[in-house]
Amino acid sequence: MHATLLGVLGLALLGALHAQDSIPVQTDFQQDKLTGRWYSIGLASNSNWFKEKKHLMKMCTTDISATADGNLQVTSTYPKGDQCEKKNSLYTKTEQPGRFSYTSPRWGSNHDIYVVETDYKEYALVATHITKSTGSYTMVLLYSRTKSLSPERLERFSQFSKEQGLMDEEILILPQTDKCMADTA
């Protein structure tokens, strides 16, 4: 009986580890090439927050810089009403290049962030697994160095989002705007 219980617990642990490993990370990730200005082109999520707010969302800018200790300082500037809001986050590097962690001081949520794929010059696809007291959620972001991307990149974003279990109504190509797009870095 004891051996069976250990076997079941071992399989459960293996399953949990496999679930986290199912999100790929960019091969030969080069953090210095990810820094700079990006535009958020697409956002997908199964969180209630996203479902409630997605009709209000517009494209925003995200500026990424490396800190002295190898982490990433991420500053997003987005339109909210008639103002520009800024959100600063410190993504802490992990043992795996291209994977970061972040804990929201406001919500207490833990974010496991994966740079899934990027060519550093045109686009970046980033997936986040978010865990908070009310449950866990998936978020996928599509970044671009310009305000638009090719239909193939947009399709890849949708395809990857669906591979993460997200449905069509949880995938959004953000409407373009000129608001809050000035150089705010």
N, C-alpha and C. Protein backbone atom coordinates (compact mmCIF):
# COMPACT_ATOMS: atom_id res chain seq x y z
N MET A 1 0.82 -1.20 0.00
CA MET A 1 0.00 0.00 0.00
C MET A 1 0.87 1.27 0.00
N HIS A 2 1.90 1.25 0.85
CA HIS A 2 2.80 2.40 0.95
C HIS A 2 3.50 2.65 -0.39
N ALA A 3 3.97 1.59 -1.03
CA ALA A 3 4.65 1.71 -2.32
C ALA A 3 3.69 2.24 -3.39
N THR A 4 2.43 1.82 -3.36
CA THR A 4 1.44 2.29 -4.32
C THR A 4 1.20 3.78 -4.13
N LEU A 5 1.07 4.22 -2.89
CA LEU A 5 0.84 5.63 -2.59
C LEU A 5 2.02 6.47 -3.07
N LEU A 6 3.23 6.01 -2.82
CA LEU A 6 4.42 6.72 -3.29
C LEU A 6 4.45 6.78 -4.81
N GLY A 7 4.06 5.69 -5.46
CA GLY A 7 4.01 5.66 -6.92
C GLY A 7 3.02 6.67 -7.47
N VAL A 8 1.84 6.74 -6.86
CA VAL A 8 0.81 7.69 -7.29
C VAL A 8 1.29 9.12 -7.07
N LEU A 9 1.89 9.39 -5.91
CA LEU A 9 2.40 10.74 -5.64
C LEU A 9 3.52 11.10 -6.62
N GLY A 10 4.36 10.12 -6.93
CA GLY A 10 5.44 10.36 -7.90
C GLY A 10 4.89 10.71 -9.27
N LEU A 11 3.86 9.99 -9.70
CA LEU A 11 3.24 10.28 -10.99
C LEU A 11 2.58 11.66 -11.00
N ALA A 12 1.94 12.01 -9.88
CA ALA A 12 1.30 13.32 -9.78
C ALA A 12 2.35 14.43 -9.87
N LEU A 13 3.47 14.26 -9.19
CA LEU A 13 4.55 15.24 -9.24
C LEU A 13 5.13 15.35 -10.65
N LEU A 14 5.32 14.22 -11.27
CA LEU A 14 5.83 14.18 -12.63
C LEU A 14 4.88 14.91 -13.58
N GLY A 15 3.58 14.69 -13.39
CA GLY A 15 2.58 15.37 -14.22
C GLY A 15 2.62 16.87 -14.02
N ALA A 16 2.77 17.32 -12.79
CA ALA A 16 2.83 18.75 -12.51
C ALA A 16 4.08 19.36 -13.14
N LEU A 17 5.20 18.68 -13.04
CA LEU A 17 6.43 19.19 -13.64
C LEU A 17 6.31 19.22 -15.16
N HIS A 18 5.70 18.19 -15.74
CA HIS A 18 5.52 18.14 -17.19
C HIS A 18 4.64 19.29 -17.67
N ALA A 19 3.59 19.62 -16.90
CA ALA A 19 2.68 20.70 -17.29
C ALA A 19 3.44 22.02 -17.40
N GLN A 20 4.36 22.28 -16.47
CA GLN A 20 5.12 23.52 -16.54
C GLN A 20 6.13 23.49 -17.69
N ASP A 21 6.64 22.32 -18.01
CA ASP A 21 7.60 22.21 -19.09
C ASP A 21 6.93 22.22 -20.46
N SER A 22 5.61 22.22 -20.52
CA SER A 22 4.93 22.18 -21.81
C SER A 22 4.99 23.53 -22.53
N ILE A 23 5.39 24.59 -21.84
CA ILE A 23 5.57 25.88 -22.50
C ILE A 23 7.03 25.97 -22.93
N PRO A 24 7.27 26.06 -24.23
CA PRO A 24 8.65 26.10 -24.72
C PRO A 24 9.30 27.45 -24.44
N VAL A 25 10.62 27.47 -24.46
CA VAL A 25 11.38 28.70 -24.29
C VAL A 25 12.31 28.85 -25.50
N GLN A 26 12.49 30.08 -25.94
CA GLN A 26 13.35 30.40 -27.08
C GLN A 26 14.70 29.69 -26.95
N THR A 27 15.08 28.96 -27.97
CA THR A 27 16.39 28.31 -28.01
C THR A 27 17.48 29.36 -28.07
N ASP A 28 18.55 29.17 -27.32
CA ASP A 28 19.69 30.12 -27.29
C ASP A 28 19.23 31.55 -27.01
N PHE A 29 18.39 31.69 -26.00
CA PHE A 29 17.84 33.00 -25.64
C PHE A 29 18.97 34.00 -25.37
N GLN A 30 18.85 35.20 -25.98
CA GLN A 30 19.84 36.26 -25.81
C GLN A 30 19.14 37.48 -25.22
N GLN A 31 19.23 37.60 -23.90
CA GLN A 31 18.49 38.62 -23.17
C GLN A 31 18.78 40.03 -23.65
N ASP A 32 20.03 40.35 -23.96
CA ASP A 32 20.38 41.70 -24.38
C ASP A 32 19.65 42.12 -25.66
N LYS A 33 19.32 41.17 -26.52
CA LYS A 33 18.62 41.49 -27.77
C LYS A 33 17.12 41.72 -27.56
N LEU A 34 16.61 41.32 -26.39
CA LEU A 34 15.19 41.51 -26.10
C LEU A 34 14.90 42.92 -25.58
N THR A 35 15.94 43.62 -25.14
CA THR A 35 15.74 44.94 -24.55
C THR A 35 15.32 45.95 -25.62
N GLY A 36 14.72 47.04 -25.15
CA GLY A 36 14.27 48.11 -26.03
C GLY A 36 12.77 48.25 -26.04
N ARG A 37 12.28 49.01 -27.02
CA ARG A 37 10.85 49.32 -27.14
C ARG A 37 10.12 48.24 -27.93
N TRP A 38 8.98 47.82 -27.39
CA TRP A 38 8.08 46.88 -28.06
C TRP A 38 6.66 47.47 -28.03
N TYR A 39 5.85 47.06 -28.98
CA TYR A 39 4.43 47.39 -28.98
C TYR A 39 3.66 46.10 -28.70
N SER A 40 2.69 46.18 -27.80
CA SER A 40 1.83 45.03 -27.53
C SER A 40 0.78 44.98 -28.63
N ILE A 41 0.86 43.92 -29.43
CA ILE A 41 -0.01 43.77 -30.59
C ILE A 41 -1.18 42.84 -30.28
N GLY A 42 -0.90 41.79 -29.51
CA GLY A 42 -1.93 40.80 -29.19
C GLY A 42 -1.88 40.42 -27.72
N LEU A 43 -3.04 40.08 -27.18
CA LEU A 43 -3.15 39.64 -25.79
C LEU A 43 -4.24 38.57 -25.74
N ALA A 44 -3.91 37.47 -25.07
CA ALA A 44 -4.88 36.39 -24.90
C ALA A 44 -4.82 35.95 -23.44
N SER A 45 -5.97 35.65 -22.86
CA SER A 45 -5.99 35.20 -21.47
C SER A 45 -7.34 34.58 -21.13
N ASN A 46 -7.30 33.66 -20.18
CA ASN A 46 -8.54 33.07 -19.66
C ASN A 46 -8.88 33.62 -18.27
N SER A 47 -8.29 34.75 -17.90
CA SER A 47 -8.58 35.35 -16.59
C SER A 47 -9.88 36.14 -16.66
N ASN A 48 -10.56 36.24 -15.54
CA ASN A 48 -11.79 37.04 -15.47
C ASN A 48 -11.50 38.51 -15.73
N TRP A 49 -10.35 38.99 -15.24
CA TRP A 49 -9.96 40.38 -15.46
C TRP A 49 -9.93 40.70 -16.95
N PHE A 50 -9.32 39.82 -17.74
CA PHE A 50 -9.22 40.04 -19.18
C PHE A 50 -10.61 40.03 -19.82
N LYS A 51 -11.43 39.06 -19.44
CA LYS A 51 -12.77 38.96 -20.02
C LYS A 51 -13.60 40.21 -19.74
N GLU A 52 -13.42 40.80 -18.55
CA GLU A 52 -14.18 41.99 -18.17
C GLU A 52 -13.65 43.26 -18.84
N LYS A 53 -12.36 43.32 -19.11
CA LYS A 53 -11.74 44.56 -19.59
C LYS A 53 -11.34 44.56 -21.07
N LYS A 54 -11.44 43.42 -21.76
CA LYS A 54 -10.87 43.35 -23.11
C LYS A 54 -11.50 44.34 -24.09
N HIS A 55 -12.75 44.70 -23.90
CA HIS A 55 -13.39 45.65 -24.80
C HIS A 55 -12.81 47.07 -24.66
N LEU A 56 -12.08 47.33 -23.58
CA LEU A 56 -11.48 48.63 -23.34
C LEU A 56 -10.01 48.71 -23.77
N MET A 57 -9.42 47.56 -24.06
CA MET A 57 -7.97 47.49 -24.28
C MET A 57 -7.56 48.00 -25.65
N LYS A 58 -6.39 48.65 -25.66
CA LYS A 58 -5.77 49.15 -26.88
C LYS A 58 -4.29 48.79 -26.85
N MET A 59 -3.67 48.93 -27.99
CA MET A 59 -2.23 48.70 -28.09
C MET A 59 -1.50 49.57 -27.08
N CYS A 60 -0.39 49.06 -26.55
CA CYS A 60 0.42 49.85 -25.64
C CYS A 60 1.90 49.63 -25.94
N THR A 61 2.74 50.41 -25.28
CA THR A 61 4.18 50.23 -25.44
C THR A 61 4.73 49.51 -24.22
N THR A 62 5.78 48.75 -24.45
CA THR A 62 6.49 48.07 -23.37
C THR A 62 7.98 48.28 -23.60
N ASP A 63 8.63 48.85 -22.61
CA ASP A 63 10.07 49.08 -22.67
C ASP A 63 10.75 48.11 -21.73
N ILE A 64 11.73 47.37 -22.27
CA ILE A 64 12.45 46.34 -21.51
C ILE A 64 13.91 46.74 -21.41
N SER A 65 14.42 46.73 -20.18
CA SER A 65 15.85 47.00 -19.97
C SER A 65 16.40 45.98 -18.99
N ALA A 66 17.68 45.70 -19.13
CA ALA A 66 18.34 44.75 -18.24
C ALA A 66 18.85 45.49 -17.00
N THR A 67 18.74 44.84 -15.86
CA THR A 67 19.29 45.41 -14.63
C THR A 67 20.72 44.89 -14.45
N ALA A 68 21.45 45.49 -13.52
CA ALA A 68 22.85 45.11 -13.29
C ALA A 68 22.97 43.64 -12.88
N ASP A 69 21.95 43.11 -12.21
CA ASP A 69 22.02 41.72 -11.74
C ASP A 69 21.38 40.72 -12.70
N GLY A 70 21.08 41.15 -13.93
CA GLY A 70 20.62 40.22 -14.95
C GLY A 70 19.12 40.01 -15.02
N ASN A 71 18.36 40.79 -14.28
CA ASN A 71 16.91 40.71 -14.35
C ASN A 71 16.41 41.67 -15.43
N LEU A 72 15.10 41.71 -15.65
CA LEU A 72 14.53 42.62 -16.64
C LEU A 72 13.59 43.61 -15.96
N GLN A 73 13.78 44.88 -16.24
CA GLN A 73 12.86 45.92 -15.82
C GLN A 73 11.90 46.13 -16.99
N VAL A 74 10.61 45.91 -16.75
CA VAL A 74 9.60 45.98 -17.81
C VAL A 74 8.62 47.09 -17.47
N THR A 75 8.52 48.10 -18.35
CA THR A 75 7.63 49.23 -18.13
C THR A 75 6.63 49.29 -19.29
N SER A 76 5.36 49.10 -18.96
CA SER A 76 4.31 49.20 -19.97
C SER A 76 3.55 50.51 -19.78
N THR A 77 3.29 51.20 -20.87
CA THR A 77 2.52 52.44 -20.85
C THR A 77 1.30 52.22 -21.74
N TYR A 78 0.12 52.42 -21.15
CA TYR A 78 -1.10 52.11 -21.89
C TYR A 78 -2.16 53.16 -21.63
N PRO A 79 -3.05 53.35 -22.62
CA PRO A 79 -4.14 54.31 -22.44
C PRO A 79 -5.18 53.77 -21.48
N LYS A 80 -5.59 54.61 -20.55
CA LYS A 80 -6.66 54.27 -19.61
C LYS A 80 -7.52 55.53 -19.47
N GLY A 81 -8.70 55.47 -20.08
CA GLY A 81 -9.53 56.66 -20.12
C GLY A 81 -8.84 57.72 -20.96
N ASP A 82 -8.71 58.93 -20.41
CA ASP A 82 -8.02 59.99 -21.15
C ASP A 82 -6.60 60.22 -20.64
N GLN A 83 -6.06 59.23 -19.92
CA GLN A 83 -4.70 59.34 -19.39
C GLN A 83 -3.83 58.19 -19.87
N CYS A 84 -2.53 58.32 -19.61
CA CYS A 84 -1.57 57.26 -19.89
C CYS A 84 -1.10 56.68 -18.56
N GLU A 85 -1.32 55.41 -18.37
CA GLU A 85 -0.92 54.72 -17.13
C GLU A 85 0.38 53.98 -17.38
N LYS A 86 1.21 53.88 -16.35
CA LYS A 86 2.46 53.12 -16.43
C LYS A 86 2.43 52.00 -15.41
N LYS A 87 2.94 50.85 -15.84
CA LYS A 87 3.07 49.72 -14.92
C LYS A 87 4.51 49.24 -15.00
N ASN A 88 5.20 49.24 -13.87
CA ASN A 88 6.58 48.77 -13.79
C ASN A 88 6.61 47.40 -13.14
N SER A 89 7.37 46.49 -13.75
CA SER A 89 7.51 45.14 -13.21
C SER A 89 8.98 44.73 -13.29
N LEU A 90 9.43 44.01 -12.29
CA LEU A 90 10.78 43.46 -12.31
C LEU A 90 10.68 41.97 -12.51
N TYR A 91 11.12 41.51 -13.68
CA TYR A 91 11.11 40.08 -14.00
C TYR A 91 12.44 39.50 -13.53
N THR A 92 12.37 38.58 -12.59
CA THR A 92 13.56 37.97 -12.02
C THR A 92 13.96 36.76 -12.85
N LYS A 93 15.23 36.71 -13.23
CA LYS A 93 15.71 35.59 -14.05
C LYS A 93 15.65 34.30 -13.24
N THR A 94 15.52 33.21 -13.95
CA THR A 94 15.54 31.88 -13.33
C THR A 94 16.77 31.13 -13.87
N GLU A 95 16.90 29.89 -13.49
CA GLU A 95 18.01 29.08 -13.97
C GLU A 95 17.94 28.85 -15.48
N GLN A 96 16.73 28.91 -16.03
CA GLN A 96 16.54 28.66 -17.46
C GLN A 96 16.53 29.98 -18.23
N PRO A 97 17.50 30.21 -19.12
CA PRO A 97 17.49 31.44 -19.92
C PRO A 97 16.18 31.58 -20.70
N GLY A 98 15.57 32.78 -20.65
CA GLY A 98 14.31 33.01 -21.33
C GLY A 98 13.10 32.79 -20.45
N ARG A 99 13.34 32.40 -19.21
CA ARG A 99 12.24 32.18 -18.27
C ARG A 99 12.46 33.08 -17.05
N PHE A 100 11.39 33.75 -16.62
CA PHE A 100 11.47 34.72 -15.54
C PHE A 100 10.31 34.51 -14.57
N SER A 101 10.45 35.10 -13.39
CA SER A 101 9.35 35.06 -12.42
C SER A 101 9.08 36.49 -11.95
N TYR A 102 7.84 36.70 -11.54
CA TYR A 102 7.41 38.01 -11.07
C TYR A 102 6.28 37.80 -10.07
N THR A 103 6.31 38.54 -8.97
CA THR A 103 5.22 38.50 -8.00
C THR A 103 4.61 39.89 -7.95
N SER A 104 3.31 39.97 -8.20
CA SER A 104 2.61 41.25 -8.19
C SER A 104 2.44 41.74 -6.75
N PRO A 105 3.01 42.90 -6.43
CA PRO A 105 2.84 43.42 -5.06
C PRO A 105 1.39 43.84 -4.80
N ARG A 106 0.67 44.20 -5.85
CA ARG A 106 -0.71 44.65 -5.69
C ARG A 106 -1.68 43.49 -5.47
N TRP A 107 -1.52 42.41 -6.27
CA TRP A 107 -2.48 41.32 -6.24
C TRP A 107 -1.96 40.06 -5.56
N GLY A 108 -0.65 40.00 -5.30
CA GLY A 108 -0.08 38.80 -4.68
C GLY A 108 -0.02 37.61 -5.60
N SER A 109 -0.17 37.84 -6.89
CA SER A 109 -0.14 36.73 -7.85
C SER A 109 1.30 36.43 -8.26
N ASN A 110 1.57 35.16 -8.52
CA ASN A 110 2.88 34.72 -8.98
C ASN A 110 2.82 34.47 -10.47
N HIS A 111 3.81 35.00 -11.19
CA HIS A 111 3.85 34.92 -12.64
C HIS A 111 5.10 34.15 -13.07
N ASP A 112 4.89 33.10 -13.84
CA ASP A 112 5.97 32.32 -14.42
C ASP A 112 5.98 32.69 -15.91
N ILE A 113 7.02 33.41 -16.35
CA ILE A 113 7.05 34.05 -17.67
C ILE A 113 8.03 33.33 -18.58
N TYR A 114 7.58 33.03 -19.80
CA TYR A 114 8.39 32.32 -20.78
C TYR A 114 8.48 33.13 -22.07
N VAL A 115 9.70 33.43 -22.53
CA VAL A 115 9.87 33.99 -23.86
C VAL A 115 9.86 32.80 -24.80
N VAL A 116 8.72 32.57 -25.43
CA VAL A 116 8.48 31.37 -26.23
C VAL A 116 9.28 31.38 -27.52
N GLU A 117 9.17 32.49 -28.26
CA GLU A 117 9.94 32.62 -29.49
C GLU A 117 10.07 34.08 -29.84
N THR A 118 11.18 34.41 -30.47
CA THR A 118 11.44 35.78 -30.92
C THR A 118 12.55 35.78 -31.95
N ASP A 119 12.51 36.77 -32.83
CA ASP A 119 13.64 37.00 -33.72
C ASP A 119 14.35 38.28 -33.29
N TYR A 120 13.89 38.88 -32.19
CA TYR A 120 14.46 40.08 -31.55
C TYR A 120 14.28 41.35 -32.37
N LYS A 121 14.14 41.26 -33.69
CA LYS A 121 14.04 42.45 -34.56
C LYS A 121 12.62 42.78 -34.94
N GLU A 122 11.75 41.75 -34.99
CA GLU A 122 10.38 41.97 -35.47
C GLU A 122 9.34 41.64 -34.41
N TYR A 123 9.43 40.49 -33.77
CA TYR A 123 8.36 40.06 -32.87
C TYR A 123 8.90 39.24 -31.69
N ALA A 124 8.07 39.13 -30.67
CA ALA A 124 8.34 38.24 -29.54
C ALA A 124 7.00 37.69 -29.06
N LEU A 125 6.98 36.40 -28.78
CA LEU A 125 5.80 35.70 -28.27
C LEU A 125 6.14 35.30 -26.83
N VAL A 126 5.34 35.78 -25.87
CA VAL A 126 5.61 35.56 -24.45
C VAL A 126 4.39 34.94 -23.79
N ALA A 127 4.61 33.87 -23.04
CA ALA A 127 3.52 33.21 -22.32
C ALA A 127 3.76 33.35 -20.82
N THR A 128 2.68 33.51 -20.09
CA THR A 128 2.77 33.64 -18.63
C THR A 128 1.75 32.73 -17.99
N HIS A 129 2.20 31.98 -16.98
CA HIS A 129 1.29 31.19 -16.16
C HIS A 129 1.17 31.95 -14.84
N ILE A 130 -0.06 32.34 -14.51
CA ILE A 130 -0.32 33.17 -13.34
C ILE A 130 -1.05 32.34 -12.29
N THR A 131 -0.55 32.39 -11.06
CA THR A 131 -1.18 31.67 -9.96
C THR A 131 -1.53 32.67 -8.86
N LYS A 132 -2.78 32.65 -8.43
CA LYS A 132 -3.20 33.49 -7.30
C LYS A 132 -4.17 32.70 -6.46
N SER A 133 -4.60 33.25 -5.38
CA SER A 133 -5.45 32.52 -4.43
C SER A 133 -6.76 32.05 -5.06
N THR A 134 -7.23 32.75 -6.09
CA THR A 134 -8.51 32.41 -6.71
C THR A 134 -8.38 31.41 -7.85
N GLY A 135 -7.14 31.01 -8.19
CA GLY A 135 -6.96 30.03 -9.25
C GLY A 135 -5.73 30.35 -10.09
N SER A 136 -5.59 29.63 -11.19
CA SER A 136 -4.46 29.87 -12.08
C SER A 136 -4.98 30.21 -13.48
N TYR A 137 -4.18 31.01 -14.19
CA TYR A 137 -4.59 31.55 -15.47
C TYR A 137 -3.42 31.52 -16.44
N THR A 138 -3.75 31.60 -17.71
CA THR A 138 -2.75 31.67 -18.76
C THR A 138 -2.90 33.00 -19.48
N MET A 139 -1.75 33.58 -19.83
CA MET A 139 -1.76 34.81 -20.62
C MET A 139 -0.68 34.68 -21.69
N VAL A 140 -1.01 35.10 -22.90
CA VAL A 140 -0.05 35.09 -24.00
C VAL A 140 -0.02 36.50 -24.58
N LEU A 141 1.19 37.02 -24.78
CA LEU A 141 1.39 38.35 -25.34
C LEU A 141 2.16 38.25 -26.65
N LEU A 142 1.77 39.08 -27.61
CA LEU A 142 2.50 39.20 -28.86
C LEU A 142 3.05 40.62 -28.93
N TYR A 143 4.37 40.73 -28.95
CA TYR A 143 5.04 42.02 -29.06
C TYR A 143 5.60 42.21 -30.45
N SER A 144 5.70 43.48 -30.87
CA SER A 144 6.27 43.83 -32.15
C SER A 144 7.15 45.07 -31.99
N ARG A 145 8.18 45.18 -32.80
CA ARG A 145 9.02 46.38 -32.78
C ARG A 145 8.32 47.54 -33.50
N THR A 146 7.28 47.24 -34.29
CA THR A 146 6.50 48.26 -34.98
C THR A 146 5.03 48.09 -34.59
N LYS A 147 4.17 48.99 -35.06
CA LYS A 147 2.76 48.95 -34.67
C LYS A 147 1.93 47.93 -35.43
N SER A 148 2.57 47.17 -36.33
CA SER A 148 1.82 46.14 -37.04
C SER A 148 2.73 44.95 -37.33
N LEU A 149 2.10 43.81 -37.56
CA LEU A 149 2.83 42.57 -37.87
C LEU A 149 2.16 41.87 -39.04
N SER A 150 2.88 40.98 -39.65
CA SER A 150 2.36 40.23 -40.78
C SER A 150 1.22 39.31 -40.35
N PRO A 151 0.32 38.96 -41.28
CA PRO A 151 -0.75 38.02 -40.96
C PRO A 151 -0.20 36.68 -40.44
N GLU A 152 0.98 36.27 -40.92
CA GLU A 152 1.57 35.01 -40.46
C GLU A 152 1.93 35.07 -38.98
N ARG A 153 2.47 36.20 -38.53
CA ARG A 153 2.81 36.36 -37.10
C ARG A 153 1.54 36.40 -36.24
N LEU A 154 0.52 37.09 -36.73
CA LEU A 154 -0.75 37.15 -36.00
C LEU A 154 -1.37 35.75 -35.89
N GLU A 155 -1.28 34.98 -36.97
CA GLU A 155 -1.81 33.62 -36.97
C GLU A 155 -1.02 32.73 -36.00
N ARG A 156 0.29 32.90 -35.96
CA ARG A 156 1.13 32.12 -35.04
C ARG A 156 0.73 32.41 -33.59
N PHE A 157 0.47 33.68 -33.29
CA PHE A 157 0.02 34.09 -31.96
C PHE A 157 -1.29 33.39 -31.61
N SER A 158 -2.26 33.42 -32.53
CA SER A 158 -3.55 32.76 -32.28
C SER A 158 -3.38 31.26 -32.12
N GLN A 159 -2.57 30.65 -32.97
CA GLN A 159 -2.33 29.21 -32.92
C GLN A 159 -1.69 28.82 -31.58
N PHE A 160 -0.64 29.55 -31.18
CA PHE A 160 0.02 29.23 -29.92
C PHE A 160 -0.93 29.42 -28.74
N SER A 161 -1.73 30.49 -28.77
CA SER A 161 -2.70 30.73 -27.69
C SER A 161 -3.67 29.55 -27.56
N LYS A 162 -4.12 29.04 -28.68
CA LYS A 162 -5.03 27.88 -28.66
C LYS A 162 -4.31 26.63 -28.15
N GLU A 163 -3.04 26.48 -28.47
CA GLU A 163 -2.26 25.35 -27.95
C GLU A 163 -2.15 25.41 -26.43
N GLN A 164 -2.28 26.61 -25.87
CA GLN A 164 -2.24 26.78 -24.41
C GLN A 164 -3.63 26.62 -23.78
N GLY A 165 -4.61 26.24 -24.59
CA GLY A 165 -5.95 25.99 -24.07
C GLY A 165 -6.89 27.18 -24.13
N LEU A 166 -6.46 28.27 -24.76
CA LEU A 166 -7.31 29.45 -24.85
C LEU A 166 -8.25 29.33 -26.05
N MET A 167 -9.43 29.93 -25.92
CA MET A 167 -10.44 29.87 -26.97
C MET A 167 -10.44 31.17 -27.78
N ASP A 168 -11.09 31.15 -28.94
CA ASP A 168 -11.12 32.31 -29.82
C ASP A 168 -11.54 33.59 -29.10
N GLU A 169 -12.55 33.51 -28.26
CA GLU A 169 -13.05 34.71 -27.58
C GLU A 169 -12.09 35.20 -26.49
N GLU A 170 -11.05 34.42 -26.21
CA GLU A 170 -10.04 34.83 -25.22
C GLU A 170 -8.77 35.35 -25.89
N ILE A 171 -8.83 35.54 -27.21
CA ILE A 171 -7.68 36.00 -27.99
C ILE A 171 -8.04 37.34 -28.63
N LEU A 172 -7.18 38.34 -28.44
CA LEU A 172 -7.48 39.68 -28.91
C LEU A 172 -6.28 40.29 -29.63
N ILE A 173 -6.50 40.74 -30.85
CA ILE A 173 -5.52 41.60 -31.53
C ILE A 173 -5.89 43.01 -31.08
N LEU A 174 -4.98 43.68 -30.40
CA LEU A 174 -5.28 44.98 -29.78
C LEU A 174 -5.47 46.07 -30.84
N PRO A 175 -6.53 46.87 -30.71
CA PRO A 175 -6.75 47.96 -31.66
C PRO A 175 -5.60 48.98 -31.58
N GLN A 176 -5.17 49.44 -32.75
CA GLN A 176 -4.10 50.44 -32.79
C GLN A 176 -4.60 51.77 -32.26
N THR A 177 -3.69 52.52 -31.68
CA THR A 177 -3.98 53.85 -31.18
C THR A 177 -2.70 54.66 -31.23
N ASP A 178 -2.82 55.98 -31.30
CA ASP A 178 -1.65 56.84 -31.19
C ASP A 178 -1.49 57.34 -29.76
N LYS A 179 -2.51 57.11 -28.95
CA LYS A 179 -2.48 57.57 -27.57
C LYS A 179 -1.44 56.80 -26.76
N CYS A 180 -0.62 57.54 -26.04
CA CYS A 180 0.41 56.99 -25.15
C CYS A 180 1.52 56.27 -25.91
N MET A 181 1.69 56.59 -27.18
CA MET A 181 2.73 55.95 -27.99
C MET A 181 4.01 56.77 -28.07
N ALA A 182 4.00 57.98 -27.49
CA ALA A 182 5.20 58.84 -27.53
C ALA A 182 6.34 58.17 -26.79
N ASP A 183 7.54 58.65 -26.99
CA ASP A 183 8.71 58.08 -26.32
C ASP A 183 8.62 58.37 -24.83
N THR A 184 8.24 57.36 -24.08
CA THR A 184 8.03 57.55 -22.64
C THR A 184 9.08 56.85 -21.81
N ALA A 185 10.07 56.29 -22.45
CA ALA A 185 11.08 55.50 -21.72
C ALA A 185 11.96 56.40 -20.88
